[in-house]
Amino acid sequence: MKYYLVAGEASGDLHGANLMKALKHEDHEAVFRYFGGNKMQAEGGTLVKHYADMAFMGFTEVILNLRTIFKNLSACKADITGWKPDVLILIDFPGFNLKIAEFAKACGIKVCYYISPKVWAWNQKRVLKIKKVVDHMFCILPFEVDFYRNWGMEVDYVGNPLLDEVAQFSPDANFRVAGGLGDGKIIALLPGSRKQEIERLLPVMLLLTDQYPAYCFAIAAAPSFSESYYHQFIGDRNVQLCFNNTYNLLHHAHAAIVASGTATLETALFKVPQVVVYKGGVISIAIAKMLVKIKFISLVNLIVNKKIVTELIQEECNIQNLNFSLSAILSETGRSNMLNQYDELLQLMGKPGASAKTARLIYKYAAASS
C-alpha cells in the first residue's frame, strides 16, 4: 500500500520514522512519501519537504509566516493529489494537519491521525471537526480516550511511542570521549528544535555555566542547524555540542534544563532530574493565557496530573529562578524526590509497543476498506 505521512516537527519525525519501520513489518509492499525529516528519510521512501521549513512557534510567529504556511499547504495538497495514497497518516502538528485532513477526506482518502492534537487543552469544540475529517485517531495519553468518548468519538489508545524509542536505544561507549565531555557530571541543555525556541531559551540557559563551573555543560543540538549557529550563543564558554546524540547525552546527564515539549518526557524516561522552561512571544503568550485551560505545560506533570518538575514560563524563566531550581535538583534530597516521582509516571505510561500497535491498526483499517 501507499502511505503518505505528514510530520512538521522533530518529534513528529522521530515518531514517523518508528511508525514507518513498524508498517514495513506489517506490509511488505509498503511505499512511503512524506513531509518529515532525517529520521523518516533514513527509513526510505521520498522526502518531499523537511520539517525545518515548516515549524513556526506561537500565534505571532504563525501570523508572520502565513505566506510560507499557505505555500506549504498548497504544495502538500498538490503532492497528495498527484501521488494518490491509499492512506494519509498525520502526525501531531494540528494547525497544519487538520487542514490537510479536511482536504484528504474530501478527496476520498482514508485519514489516520497519530498523536492527537491537544484539544483537551483549549477550544475543545475542535473535536467536532476532527470527528468529520479523521477516520481513525490514535492517542498516546491515557486520559485522551475518555475525553474523546465524552464528545462521542471512539479512539484507539496505543501507548506512548517514546517508550519504543528509549527501549531501542543502545548507549555509545565512546560518547563522552568523542564529544569532549570528560569524566565530570554533565548538565544537559535541551533548548528545542525550532529557531524561535533556541533563540529565546539558549542564552539564559548558558548563563548557568558561570554558576556551576564544576559541571560539564552540553547542548542537544538540532540537526537542522549548524555548529556556527550555536556558537553565536556559546561564545567563548566551554560548552559542547551534541548533534544527533540527545539520547546518549541524556543517558550520561546528571541533570537537565529542557524546553517544554516532547523532550521533557524523554528526559524523565531516562530518569534525569530536570527543570522545564518556556518562552514565547508576548502576544502569543497573552492569547495563550486566555485560551489554554490546563494546569501544567510539561508532559511529565500533565500525565501524572500534579507537579513533579518545576516549570519556568516566560518572565519566570530567568537566571535567578533557573539557578535556584537547578540547585534544588542537584541536591541529594531534591534529586531523590524527583526520581521517585518519575516511577509513578512510568507506571502510568505502561510498556513499549505503541508504534507496532499503531501500524497493525492502520494496516488493518486500510486493508478493510481497500
Protein backbone atom coordinates (compact mmCIF):
# COMPACT_ATOMS: atom_id res chain seq x y z
CA MET A 1 0.00 0.00 0.00
CA LYS A 2 0.97 3.64 -0.47
CA TYR A 3 1.30 5.64 2.75
CA TYR A 4 1.60 9.44 2.82
CA LEU A 5 2.82 10.86 6.14
CA VAL A 6 2.95 14.46 7.34
CA ALA A 7 5.16 15.40 10.30
CA GLY A 8 6.05 19.03 10.92
CA GLU A 9 8.46 18.90 13.86
CA ALA A 10 11.47 16.96 15.17
CA SER A 11 9.30 14.86 17.49
CA GLY A 12 6.96 14.02 14.61
CA ASP A 13 9.96 12.96 12.53
CA LEU A 14 11.01 10.59 15.32
CA HIS A 15 7.54 9.06 15.72
CA GLY A 16 7.05 8.93 11.97
CA ALA A 17 10.28 7.00 11.48
CA ASN A 18 9.31 4.42 14.11
CA LEU A 19 5.86 4.06 12.59
CA MET A 20 7.31 3.58 9.11
CA LYS A 21 9.61 0.87 10.43
CA ALA A 22 6.62 -0.89 12.03
CA LEU A 23 4.48 -0.51 8.89
CA LYS A 24 7.19 -2.17 6.81
CA HIS A 25 6.92 -5.15 9.15
CA GLU A 26 3.14 -5.31 8.70
CA ASP A 27 3.05 -4.51 4.99
CA HIS A 28 6.00 -5.80 2.96
CA GLU A 29 4.80 -3.79 -0.04
CA ALA A 30 4.62 -0.50 1.87
CA VAL A 31 5.68 2.59 -0.09
CA PHE A 32 6.17 5.94 1.63
CA ARG A 33 6.07 9.60 0.65
CA TYR A 34 6.15 12.30 3.30
CA PHE A 35 6.72 15.70 4.82
CA GLY A 36 9.19 14.92 7.62
CA GLY A 37 12.86 14.87 8.48
CA ASN A 38 16.13 12.97 8.54
CA LYS A 39 14.91 10.07 10.68
CA MET A 40 11.99 9.36 8.38
CA GLN A 41 14.26 9.68 5.36
CA ALA A 42 16.53 7.01 6.84
CA GLU A 43 13.59 4.58 6.69
CA GLY A 44 13.27 5.03 2.93
CA GLY A 45 10.62 6.47 0.66
CA THR A 46 10.54 10.04 -0.65
CA LEU A 47 11.01 13.14 1.49
CA VAL A 48 9.00 15.94 -0.13
CA LYS A 49 9.67 18.72 2.41
CA HIS A 50 11.78 18.92 5.56
CA TYR A 51 10.09 19.96 8.82
CA ALA A 52 12.76 22.66 9.34
CA ASP A 53 10.91 24.69 6.70
CA MET A 54 7.53 24.23 8.39
CA ALA A 55 7.73 24.63 12.17
CA PHE A 56 6.64 28.03 13.48
CA MET A 57 6.13 28.54 17.20
CA GLY A 58 3.37 30.66 18.76
CA PHE A 59 0.43 32.72 17.49
CA THR A 60 2.52 35.72 16.43
CA GLU A 61 5.10 33.65 14.58
CA VAL A 62 2.36 31.82 12.69
CA ILE A 63 0.81 35.12 11.58
CA LEU A 64 4.18 36.49 10.45
CA ASN A 65 4.82 33.35 8.39
CA LEU A 66 1.35 32.84 6.93
CA ARG A 67 2.58 33.14 3.35
CA THR A 68 5.06 30.30 3.84
CA ILE A 69 2.47 28.18 5.67
CA PHE A 70 -0.11 28.58 2.89
CA LYS A 71 2.55 27.76 0.32
CA ASN A 72 3.41 24.58 2.22
CA LEU A 73 -0.26 23.64 2.50
CA SER A 74 -0.78 24.08 -1.23
CA ALA A 75 2.32 22.06 -2.01
CA CYS A 76 1.22 19.25 0.29
CA LYS A 77 -2.29 19.09 -1.16
CA ALA A 78 -0.98 19.05 -4.71
CA ASP A 79 1.51 16.31 -3.90
CA ILE A 80 -1.13 14.15 -2.22
CA THR A 81 -3.45 14.61 -5.21
CA GLY A 82 -0.70 13.67 -7.64
CA TRP A 83 0.50 10.60 -5.72
CA LYS A 84 -2.93 9.24 -4.71
CA PRO A 85 -2.01 7.39 -1.49
CA ASP A 86 -4.11 4.59 -0.02
CA VAL A 87 -3.76 6.09 3.45
CA LEU A 88 -2.85 9.52 4.80
CA ILE A 89 -1.12 9.43 8.20
CA LEU A 90 -0.97 12.76 10.02
CA ILE A 91 1.38 13.06 12.98
CA ASP A 92 0.55 15.73 15.59
CA PHE A 93 1.17 19.27 14.12
CA PRO A 94 -2.57 20.14 14.22
CA GLY A 95 -2.58 23.67 12.80
CA PHE A 96 -1.33 22.28 9.51
CA ASN A 97 -2.51 18.69 9.62
CA LEU A 98 -6.19 19.29 10.34
CA LYS A 99 -6.38 21.35 7.16
CA ILE A 100 -4.72 18.53 5.24
CA ALA A 101 -7.15 16.06 6.85
CA GLU A 102 -10.13 18.08 5.65
CA PHE A 103 -8.73 18.20 2.13
CA ALA A 104 -7.90 14.48 2.01
CA LYS A 105 -11.29 13.46 3.39
CA ALA A 106 -12.98 15.45 0.65
CA CYS A 107 -10.81 13.59 -1.87
CA GLY A 108 -11.95 10.24 -0.53
CA ILE A 109 -8.60 9.33 1.06
CA LYS A 110 -8.62 7.41 4.34
CA VAL A 111 -7.29 9.69 7.10
CA CYS A 112 -5.43 8.32 10.12
CA TYR A 113 -4.19 10.70 12.83
CA TYR A 114 -1.33 9.56 15.04
CA ILE A 115 -0.82 11.54 18.26
CA SER A 116 -3.91 13.56 18.98
CA PRO A 117 -3.98 17.35 18.83
CA LYS A 118 -4.16 18.75 22.35
CA VAL A 119 -7.83 19.59 22.00
CA TRP A 120 -8.31 18.93 25.71
CA ALA A 121 -6.13 21.95 26.48
CA TRP A 122 -8.10 24.62 24.62
CA ASN A 123 -11.02 25.04 22.20
CA GLN A 124 -12.41 21.59 22.86
CA LYS A 125 -15.09 22.06 20.21
CA ARG A 126 -12.38 21.26 17.65
CA VAL A 127 -13.30 17.63 18.34
CA LEU A 128 -16.44 18.18 16.27
CA LYS A 129 -14.30 18.95 13.23
CA ILE A 130 -11.95 16.06 13.98
CA LYS A 131 -14.92 13.66 14.01
CA LYS A 132 -15.81 14.79 10.48
CA VAL A 133 -12.37 14.70 8.85
CA VAL A 134 -10.45 11.94 10.67
CA ASP A 135 -11.34 8.27 10.17
CA HIS A 136 -9.13 6.84 12.92
CA MET A 137 -7.43 8.65 15.81
CA PHE A 138 -4.52 7.01 17.67
CA CYS A 139 -3.86 8.54 21.10
CA ILE A 140 -0.73 8.31 23.23
CA LEU A 141 -2.05 9.71 26.50
CA PRO A 142 -4.45 7.52 28.53
CA PHE A 143 -6.82 10.32 29.56
CA GLU A 144 -7.49 11.21 25.91
CA VAL A 145 -9.68 8.12 25.41
CA ASP A 146 -12.28 9.30 27.94
CA PHE A 147 -12.00 12.86 26.69
CA TYR A 148 -12.91 11.88 23.13
CA ARG A 149 -15.61 9.47 24.30
CA ASN A 150 -17.30 12.33 26.15
CA TRP A 151 -17.53 14.08 22.78
CA GLY A 152 -18.98 10.98 21.10
CA MET A 153 -15.83 9.79 19.33
CA GLU A 154 -14.15 6.43 19.83
CA VAL A 155 -10.37 6.43 19.51
CA ASP A 156 -7.56 3.89 19.87
CA TYR A 157 -5.12 4.21 22.78
CA VAL A 158 -1.78 2.82 21.62
CA GLY A 159 0.59 3.74 24.46
CA ASN A 160 3.42 6.24 24.11
CA PRO A 161 5.89 5.91 21.21
CA LEU A 162 8.72 7.42 23.22
CA LEU A 163 8.82 4.21 25.22
CA ASP A 164 9.65 2.40 21.97
CA GLU A 165 12.48 4.74 21.13
CA VAL A 166 14.04 4.59 24.59
CA ALA A 167 13.72 0.79 24.68
CA GLN A 168 15.59 0.53 21.36
CA PHE A 169 18.39 2.84 22.45
CA SER A 170 21.89 1.40 22.92
CA PRO A 171 24.42 3.71 24.63
CA ASP A 172 27.59 4.60 22.74
CA ALA A 173 30.56 3.62 24.91
CA ASN A 174 32.72 6.28 23.20
CA PHE A 175 30.21 9.11 23.51
CA ARG A 176 31.94 11.05 26.31
CA VAL A 177 35.40 10.83 24.76
CA ALA A 178 34.25 11.63 21.22
CA GLY A 179 32.16 14.54 22.47
CA GLY A 180 34.92 16.02 24.63
CA LEU A 181 32.77 15.63 27.74
CA GLY A 182 35.42 14.32 30.13
CA ASP A 183 34.59 12.46 33.32
CA GLY A 184 32.67 15.14 35.24
CA LYS A 185 28.94 15.38 35.87
CA ILE A 186 27.01 16.64 32.87
CA ILE A 187 24.21 19.19 32.80
CA ALA A 188 22.30 18.78 29.54
CA LEU A 189 20.73 21.79 27.84
CA LEU A 190 17.78 20.98 25.57
CA PRO A 191 16.61 24.31 24.08
CA GLY A 192 14.30 22.78 21.48
CA SER A 193 14.49 22.25 17.74
CA ARG A 194 12.79 25.41 16.49
CA LYS A 195 14.63 28.65 15.80
CA GLN A 196 12.34 30.74 18.00
CA GLU A 197 12.74 28.37 20.95
CA ILE A 198 16.52 28.25 20.69
CA GLU A 199 16.96 32.00 20.40
CA ARG A 200 14.72 32.70 23.39
CA LEU A 201 15.89 29.93 25.70
CA LEU A 202 19.52 29.10 24.98
CA PRO A 203 21.03 32.47 26.03
CA VAL A 204 19.52 32.27 29.53
CA MET A 205 20.40 28.56 29.80
CA LEU A 206 24.04 29.36 29.03
CA LEU A 207 24.23 31.84 31.90
CA LEU A 208 24.21 28.82 34.20
CA THR A 209 27.71 27.87 33.07
CA ASP A 210 29.12 30.70 35.19
CA GLN A 211 27.23 29.43 38.25
CA TYR A 212 28.34 25.79 38.01
CA PRO A 213 31.99 25.68 36.88
CA ALA A 214 32.47 22.15 38.26
CA TYR A 215 29.94 20.72 35.80
CA CYS A 216 30.25 19.99 32.10
CA PHE A 217 27.52 21.63 30.01
CA ALA A 218 26.38 20.13 26.72
CA ILE A 219 23.69 21.21 24.27
CA ALA A 220 21.40 18.76 22.49
CA ALA A 221 21.75 20.43 19.10
CA ALA A 222 19.06 20.16 16.44
CA PRO A 223 20.42 18.61 13.22
CA SER A 224 18.71 21.27 11.12
CA PHE A 225 21.13 23.95 12.45
CA SER A 226 24.90 24.32 12.03
CA GLU A 227 27.67 24.48 14.61
CA SER A 228 28.26 28.14 13.74
CA TYR A 229 24.62 28.90 14.51
CA TYR A 230 25.01 27.59 18.07
CA HIS A 231 28.43 29.17 18.58
CA GLN A 232 26.96 32.65 18.19
CA PHE A 233 25.25 31.98 21.54
CA ILE A 234 28.01 29.94 23.19
CA GLY A 235 30.79 32.44 22.54
CA ASP A 236 33.95 31.50 24.46
CA ARG A 237 32.16 29.31 27.02
CA ASN A 238 33.34 25.73 27.42
CA VAL A 239 30.11 24.12 26.22
CA GLN A 240 29.91 21.05 23.99
CA LEU A 241 27.51 20.50 21.09
CA CYS A 242 25.87 17.09 20.65
CA PHE A 243 24.25 16.66 17.23
CA ASN A 244 22.01 13.61 16.72
CA ASN A 245 23.02 12.36 20.14
CA THR A 246 20.28 13.52 22.51
CA TYR A 247 19.70 10.05 23.99
CA ASN A 248 23.40 9.49 24.62
CA LEU A 249 23.53 12.89 26.26
CA LEU A 250 20.53 12.11 28.48
CA HIS A 251 21.98 8.68 29.30
CA HIS A 252 25.06 10.39 30.76
CA ALA A 253 23.42 13.55 32.14
CA HIS A 254 23.18 14.26 35.87
CA ALA A 255 20.54 16.97 35.37
CA ALA A 256 18.91 18.88 32.52
CA ILE A 257 17.27 22.16 31.55
CA VAL A 258 14.60 21.32 28.99
CA ALA A 259 12.35 23.30 26.66
CA SER A 260 8.70 22.37 27.14
CA GLY A 261 7.68 19.68 24.69
CA THR A 262 8.36 16.04 23.96
CA ALA A 263 11.89 16.33 25.35
CA THR A 264 10.54 16.75 28.89
CA LEU A 265 9.05 13.27 28.74
CA GLU A 266 12.18 11.80 27.13
CA THR A 267 14.28 13.30 29.92
CA ALA A 268 12.02 11.72 32.54
CA LEU A 269 12.20 8.32 30.83
CA PHE A 270 15.98 8.49 31.15
CA LYS A 271 15.45 9.34 34.82
CA VAL A 272 17.29 12.65 34.61
CA PRO A 273 16.12 15.35 37.06
CA GLN A 274 15.04 18.41 35.08
CA VAL A 275 13.79 21.97 35.06
CA VAL A 276 11.30 22.79 32.29
CA VAL A 277 11.44 26.19 30.59
CA TYR A 278 9.33 28.03 28.05
CA LYS A 279 9.37 31.47 26.42
CA GLY A 280 7.01 32.65 23.71
CA GLY A 281 6.27 35.95 22.02
CA VAL A 282 4.48 38.50 24.18
CA ILE A 283 1.33 38.50 22.07
CA SER A 284 1.36 34.70 21.74
CA ILE A 285 1.60 34.26 25.50
CA ALA A 286 -1.21 36.76 26.13
CA ILE A 287 -3.50 34.89 23.74
CA ALA A 288 -2.49 31.53 25.21
CA LYS A 289 -3.33 32.68 28.73
CA MET A 290 -6.85 33.49 27.57
CA LEU A 291 -7.36 30.23 25.70
CA VAL A 292 -5.40 27.46 27.40
CA LYS A 293 -7.20 25.75 30.27
CA ILE A 294 -4.58 23.37 31.69
CA LYS A 295 -2.64 23.49 34.95
CA PHE A 296 0.74 22.48 33.52
CA ILE A 297 2.71 22.78 30.28
CA SER A 298 5.13 19.86 30.64
CA LEU A 299 4.05 16.37 29.61
CA VAL A 300 5.54 14.96 32.81
CA ASN A 301 3.23 17.00 35.02
CA LEU A 302 0.23 16.64 32.70
CA ILE A 303 0.34 12.84 32.66
CA VAL A 304 0.54 12.46 36.45
CA ASN A 305 -1.74 15.49 36.94
CA LYS A 306 0.49 17.02 39.58
CA LYS A 307 3.71 19.00 39.82
CA ILE A 308 6.79 16.79 39.58
CA VAL A 309 9.08 19.09 37.64
CA THR A 310 9.42 22.85 38.04
CA GLU A 311 8.08 24.88 35.11
CA LEU A 312 9.59 28.31 34.46
CA ILE A 313 7.40 30.14 31.97
CA GLN A 314 8.02 33.49 30.27
CA GLU A 315 9.35 36.10 32.74
CA GLU A 316 9.87 33.36 35.35
CA CYS A 317 12.49 31.89 33.04
CA ASN A 318 15.42 33.95 34.26
CA ILE A 319 18.87 33.16 35.61
CA GLN A 320 17.86 33.62 39.25
CA ASN A 321 14.99 31.13 39.06
CA LEU A 322 16.98 28.73 36.88
CA ASN A 323 19.86 28.78 39.34
CA PHE A 324 17.54 28.14 42.30
CA SER A 325 15.64 25.35 40.55
CA LEU A 326 18.76 23.64 39.22
CA SER A 327 20.47 23.71 42.61
CA ALA A 328 17.36 22.09 44.11
CA ILE A 329 17.51 19.05 41.79
CA LEU A 330 21.26 18.77 42.19
CA SER A 331 20.85 18.35 45.94
CA GLU A 332 20.63 14.79 47.21
CA THR A 333 17.10 15.27 48.59
CA GLY A 334 15.71 17.07 45.54
CA ARG A 335 17.24 14.58 43.13
CA SER A 336 15.94 11.56 45.06
CA ASN A 337 12.45 13.04 45.34
CA MET A 338 12.15 13.68 41.60
CA LEU A 339 13.48 10.24 40.65
CA ASN A 340 10.96 8.57 42.97
CA GLN A 341 8.11 10.51 41.36
CA TYR A 342 9.33 9.50 37.90
CA ASP A 343 8.50 5.92 38.93
CA GLU A 344 4.84 6.94 39.23
CA LEU A 345 4.98 8.41 35.74
CA LEU A 346 6.46 5.21 34.29
CA GLN A 347 3.69 3.11 35.82
CA LEU A 348 1.02 5.29 34.21
CA MET A 349 2.66 5.17 30.79
CA GLY A 350 2.81 1.38 30.59
CA LYS A 351 5.03 -0.67 28.29
CA PRO A 352 6.65 -0.11 24.86
CA GLY A 353 4.89 -1.13 21.67
CA ALA A 354 2.99 1.98 20.51
CA SER A 355 4.50 2.10 17.04
CA ALA A 356 3.84 -1.60 16.37
CA LYS A 357 0.28 -1.40 17.69
CA THR A 358 -0.48 1.70 15.62
CA ALA A 359 0.98 0.12 12.48
CA ARG A 360 -1.13 -3.02 12.96
CA LEU A 361 -4.29 -0.96 13.36
CA ILE A 362 -3.56 1.31 10.38
CA TYR A 363 -2.87 -1.67 8.13
CA LYS A 364 -5.99 -3.44 9.41
CA TYR A 365 -8.23 -0.41 8.84
CA ALA A 366 -6.71 0.32 5.44
CA ALA A 367 -6.98 -3.28 4.25
CA ALA A 368 -10.61 -3.49 5.35
CA SER A 369 -11.57 -0.52 3.18
CA SER A 370 -9.49 -1.39 0.12
